[in-house]
């Protein structure tokens, strides 16, 4: 969750994400809602890598949060482990 909040905060501060931006003739742009903002290459590269990590890990976090597990079976017939 912290990584997603950092992703959102950085994206808001720099004007978007590299995945929605572009690169052309050694100029790098982040994009948000169709608007491009030029940023240094290092920041563009960070944004691209962080966005890619969010695309992979955020759906996994949602699946893990809602994953149901079967309750453990008691080891005795009376239940609760009492002998």
N, C-alpha and C. Protein backbone atom coordinates (compact mmCIF):
# COMPACT_ATOMS: atom_id res chain seq x y z
N UNK A 1 0.83 -1.18 0.00
CA UNK A 1 0.00 0.00 0.00
C UNK A 1 0.88 1.26 0.00
N UNK A 2 1.97 1.19 0.74
CA UNK A 2 2.89 2.33 0.79
C UNK A 2 3.51 2.63 -0.56
N UNK A 3 3.83 1.59 -1.31
CA UNK A 3 4.40 1.78 -2.63
C UNK A 3 3.39 2.43 -3.57
N UNK A 4 2.12 2.04 -3.46
CA UNK A 4 1.09 2.65 -4.30
C UNK A 4 0.91 4.12 -3.93
N UNK A 5 0.92 4.45 -2.64
CA UNK A 5 0.79 5.85 -2.22
C UNK A 5 1.98 6.68 -2.72
N UNK A 6 3.18 6.11 -2.66
CA UNK A 6 4.36 6.80 -3.18
C UNK A 6 4.24 7.00 -4.69
N UNK A 7 3.75 5.98 -5.40
CA UNK A 7 3.53 6.08 -6.84
C UNK A 7 2.56 7.21 -7.15
N UNK A 8 1.47 7.28 -6.43
CA UNK A 8 0.47 8.33 -6.64
C UNK A 8 1.04 9.71 -6.32
N UNK A 9 1.76 9.83 -5.21
CA UNK A 9 2.32 11.12 -4.80
C UNK A 9 3.36 11.62 -5.80
N UNK A 10 4.29 10.76 -6.19
CA UNK A 10 5.32 11.17 -7.15
C UNK A 10 4.68 11.52 -8.48
N UNK A 11 3.74 10.70 -8.93
CA UNK A 11 3.05 10.98 -10.19
C UNK A 11 2.33 12.32 -10.17
N UNK A 12 1.73 12.64 -9.05
CA UNK A 12 1.04 13.94 -8.92
C UNK A 12 2.03 15.10 -8.94
N UNK A 13 3.17 14.92 -8.31
CA UNK A 13 4.16 15.99 -8.23
C UNK A 13 4.88 16.25 -9.56
N UNK A 14 5.16 15.18 -10.31
CA UNK A 14 5.94 15.37 -11.54
C UNK A 14 5.05 15.52 -12.78
N UNK A 15 3.76 15.27 -12.64
CA UNK A 15 2.86 15.48 -13.76
C UNK A 15 2.44 14.23 -14.50
N UNK A 16 2.62 13.07 -13.90
CA UNK A 16 2.14 11.86 -14.54
C UNK A 16 3.10 10.70 -14.42
N UNK A 17 2.95 9.79 -15.36
CA UNK A 17 3.73 8.56 -15.36
C UNK A 17 4.43 8.39 -16.71
N UNK A 18 5.60 7.76 -16.68
CA UNK A 18 6.34 7.53 -17.92
C UNK A 18 5.60 6.56 -18.84
N UNK A 19 4.81 5.67 -18.29
CA UNK A 19 4.04 4.73 -19.12
C UNK A 19 3.03 5.46 -20.00
N UNK A 20 2.56 6.60 -19.54
CA UNK A 20 1.60 7.39 -20.31
C UNK A 20 2.28 8.57 -21.01
N UNK A 21 3.61 8.60 -20.94
CA UNK A 21 4.38 9.67 -21.55
C UNK A 21 5.04 9.22 -22.84
N UNK A 22 6.19 9.80 -23.12
CA UNK A 22 6.89 9.49 -24.37
C UNK A 22 8.35 9.88 -24.23
N UNK A 23 9.15 9.41 -25.18
CA UNK A 23 10.54 9.85 -25.29
C UNK A 23 10.82 10.09 -26.76
N UNK A 24 11.49 11.21 -27.02
CA UNK A 24 11.77 11.58 -28.40
C UNK A 24 13.02 12.45 -28.45
N UNK A 25 14.01 12.05 -29.23
CA UNK A 25 15.24 12.82 -29.42
C UNK A 25 15.87 13.25 -28.10
N UNK A 26 16.04 12.33 -27.18
CA UNK A 26 16.65 12.59 -25.87
C UNK A 26 15.84 13.57 -25.03
N UNK A 27 14.56 13.66 -25.27
CA UNK A 27 13.64 14.42 -24.42
C UNK A 27 12.65 13.41 -23.87
N UNK A 28 12.39 13.50 -22.57
CA UNK A 28 11.57 12.49 -21.90
C UNK A 28 10.37 13.18 -21.25
N UNK A 29 9.20 12.57 -21.44
CA UNK A 29 7.96 13.18 -20.98
C UNK A 29 7.16 12.16 -20.17
N UNK A 30 6.57 12.65 -19.09
CA UNK A 30 5.58 11.86 -18.35
C UNK A 30 4.21 12.38 -18.76
N UNK A 31 3.22 11.53 -18.70
CA UNK A 31 1.89 11.94 -19.15
C UNK A 31 0.82 11.64 -18.12
N UNK A 32 -0.21 12.48 -18.14
CA UNK A 32 -1.37 12.29 -17.28
C UNK A 32 -2.55 12.99 -17.93
N UNK A 33 -3.62 12.24 -18.21
CA UNK A 33 -4.84 12.79 -18.83
C UNK A 33 -4.53 13.49 -20.16
N UNK A 34 -3.60 12.93 -20.94
CA UNK A 34 -3.27 13.48 -22.25
C UNK A 34 -2.32 14.67 -22.24
N UNK A 35 -1.88 15.09 -21.08
CA UNK A 35 -0.96 16.23 -20.95
C UNK A 35 0.44 15.70 -20.67
N UNK A 36 1.43 16.15 -21.44
CA UNK A 36 2.81 15.71 -21.28
C UNK A 36 3.64 16.76 -20.56
N UNK A 37 4.54 16.29 -19.70
CA UNK A 37 5.45 17.17 -18.97
C UNK A 37 6.86 16.63 -19.15
N UNK A 38 7.80 17.48 -19.58
CA UNK A 38 9.18 17.05 -19.78
C UNK A 38 9.89 16.91 -18.44
N UNK A 39 10.62 15.81 -18.28
CA UNK A 39 11.37 15.54 -17.05
C UNK A 39 12.76 15.03 -17.43
N UNK A 40 13.72 15.08 -16.49
CA UNK A 40 15.05 14.51 -16.76
C UNK A 40 14.97 12.99 -16.96
N UNK A 41 15.96 12.44 -17.66
CA UNK A 41 15.95 11.01 -17.96
C UNK A 41 15.88 10.14 -16.71
N UNK A 42 16.63 10.48 -15.67
CA UNK A 42 16.63 9.69 -14.44
C UNK A 42 15.26 9.62 -13.80
N UNK A 43 14.55 10.72 -13.77
CA UNK A 43 13.21 10.75 -13.21
C UNK A 43 12.23 9.97 -14.09
N UNK A 44 12.39 10.09 -15.41
CA UNK A 44 11.55 9.34 -16.33
C UNK A 44 11.77 7.84 -16.16
N UNK A 45 13.04 7.43 -16.02
CA UNK A 45 13.37 6.02 -15.84
C UNK A 45 12.81 5.49 -14.52
N UNK A 46 12.93 6.28 -13.45
CA UNK A 46 12.34 5.89 -12.17
C UNK A 46 10.83 5.73 -12.30
N UNK A 47 10.18 6.68 -12.95
CA UNK A 47 8.73 6.61 -13.11
C UNK A 47 8.33 5.39 -13.91
N UNK A 48 9.06 5.08 -14.96
CA UNK A 48 8.75 3.91 -15.78
C UNK A 48 8.87 2.63 -14.97
N UNK A 49 9.97 2.47 -14.22
CA UNK A 49 10.21 1.27 -13.42
C UNK A 49 9.18 1.15 -12.31
N UNK A 50 8.85 2.25 -11.64
CA UNK A 50 7.89 2.21 -10.54
C UNK A 50 6.49 1.90 -11.07
N UNK A 51 6.13 2.44 -12.21
CA UNK A 51 4.83 2.13 -12.80
C UNK A 51 4.76 0.66 -13.18
N UNK A 52 5.81 0.13 -13.78
CA UNK A 52 5.83 -1.28 -14.15
C UNK A 52 5.69 -2.16 -12.91
N UNK A 53 6.36 -1.79 -11.83
CA UNK A 53 6.25 -2.59 -10.60
C UNK A 53 4.83 -2.53 -10.04
N UNK A 54 4.16 -1.40 -10.18
CA UNK A 54 2.78 -1.29 -9.71
C UNK A 54 1.82 -2.14 -10.55
N UNK A 55 2.07 -2.17 -11.85
CA UNK A 55 1.23 -2.98 -12.75
C UNK A 55 1.32 -4.45 -12.37
N UNK A 56 2.47 -4.88 -11.89
CA UNK A 56 2.66 -6.29 -11.51
C UNK A 56 2.19 -6.56 -10.09
N UNK A 57 2.59 -5.73 -9.13
CA UNK A 57 2.35 -6.06 -7.73
C UNK A 57 0.98 -5.65 -7.20
N UNK A 58 0.37 -4.60 -7.73
CA UNK A 58 -0.92 -4.16 -7.18
C UNK A 58 -2.01 -5.21 -7.37
N UNK A 59 -2.16 -5.81 -8.56
CA UNK A 59 -3.16 -6.88 -8.68
C UNK A 59 -2.86 -8.08 -7.78
N UNK A 60 -1.58 -8.39 -7.60
CA UNK A 60 -1.23 -9.49 -6.69
C UNK A 60 -1.62 -9.17 -5.25
N UNK A 61 -1.47 -7.93 -4.84
CA UNK A 61 -1.86 -7.53 -3.49
C UNK A 61 -3.37 -7.64 -3.30
N UNK A 62 -4.14 -7.29 -4.31
CA UNK A 62 -5.59 -7.40 -4.22
C UNK A 62 -5.99 -8.87 -4.10
N UNK A 63 -5.40 -9.73 -4.91
CA UNK A 63 -5.71 -11.16 -4.83
C UNK A 63 -5.34 -11.71 -3.46
N UNK A 64 -4.18 -11.33 -2.95
CA UNK A 64 -3.75 -11.82 -1.64
C UNK A 64 -4.67 -11.33 -0.53
N UNK A 65 -5.17 -10.12 -0.63
CA UNK A 65 -6.04 -9.57 0.41
C UNK A 65 -7.37 -10.30 0.47
N UNK A 66 -7.88 -10.75 -0.67
CA UNK A 66 -9.19 -11.41 -0.69
C UNK A 66 -9.11 -12.92 -0.78
N UNK A 67 -7.92 -13.44 -0.70
CA UNK A 67 -7.75 -14.89 -0.79
C UNK A 67 -8.34 -15.54 0.46
N UNK A 68 -9.20 -16.49 0.24
CA UNK A 68 -9.80 -17.18 1.39
C UNK A 68 -9.06 -18.49 1.66
N UNK A 69 -8.96 -18.80 2.91
CA UNK A 69 -8.29 -20.03 3.31
C UNK A 69 -9.28 -20.89 4.07
N UNK A 70 -9.22 -22.19 3.85
CA UNK A 70 -10.07 -23.10 4.60
C UNK A 70 -9.59 -23.15 6.04
N UNK A 71 -10.52 -23.21 7.00
CA UNK A 71 -10.08 -23.29 8.40
C UNK A 71 -9.35 -24.61 8.65
N UNK A 72 -8.43 -24.58 9.58
CA UNK A 72 -7.68 -25.79 9.92
C UNK A 72 -8.61 -26.79 10.57
N UNK A 73 -8.41 -28.06 10.26
CA UNK A 73 -9.23 -29.11 10.84
C UNK A 73 -8.67 -29.46 12.21
N UNK A 74 -9.55 -29.65 13.20
CA UNK A 74 -9.05 -30.04 14.52
C UNK A 74 -8.44 -31.45 14.45
N UNK A 75 -7.48 -31.73 15.33
CA UNK A 75 -6.80 -33.01 15.28
C UNK A 75 -7.50 -34.07 16.13
N UNK A 76 -8.60 -33.69 16.79
CA UNK A 76 -9.38 -34.71 17.50
C UNK A 76 -10.84 -34.60 17.07
N UNK A 77 -11.62 -35.60 17.37
CA UNK A 77 -13.03 -35.60 16.98
C UNK A 77 -13.85 -34.62 17.78
N UNK A 78 -13.44 -34.30 19.00
CA UNK A 78 -14.20 -33.37 19.82
C UNK A 78 -13.97 -31.92 19.40
N UNK A 79 -12.93 -31.67 18.64
CA UNK A 79 -12.65 -30.32 18.15
C UNK A 79 -11.78 -29.53 19.09
N UNK A 80 -11.14 -28.54 18.56
CA UNK A 80 -10.32 -27.64 19.35
C UNK A 80 -9.07 -28.26 19.92
N UNK A 81 -8.77 -29.51 19.55
CA UNK A 81 -7.54 -30.15 20.02
C UNK A 81 -7.67 -30.80 21.39
N UNK A 82 -8.85 -30.81 21.99
CA UNK A 82 -9.02 -31.44 23.30
C UNK A 82 -9.00 -32.95 23.15
N UNK A 83 -8.33 -33.61 24.09
CA UNK A 83 -8.23 -35.07 24.04
C UNK A 83 -9.13 -35.67 25.08
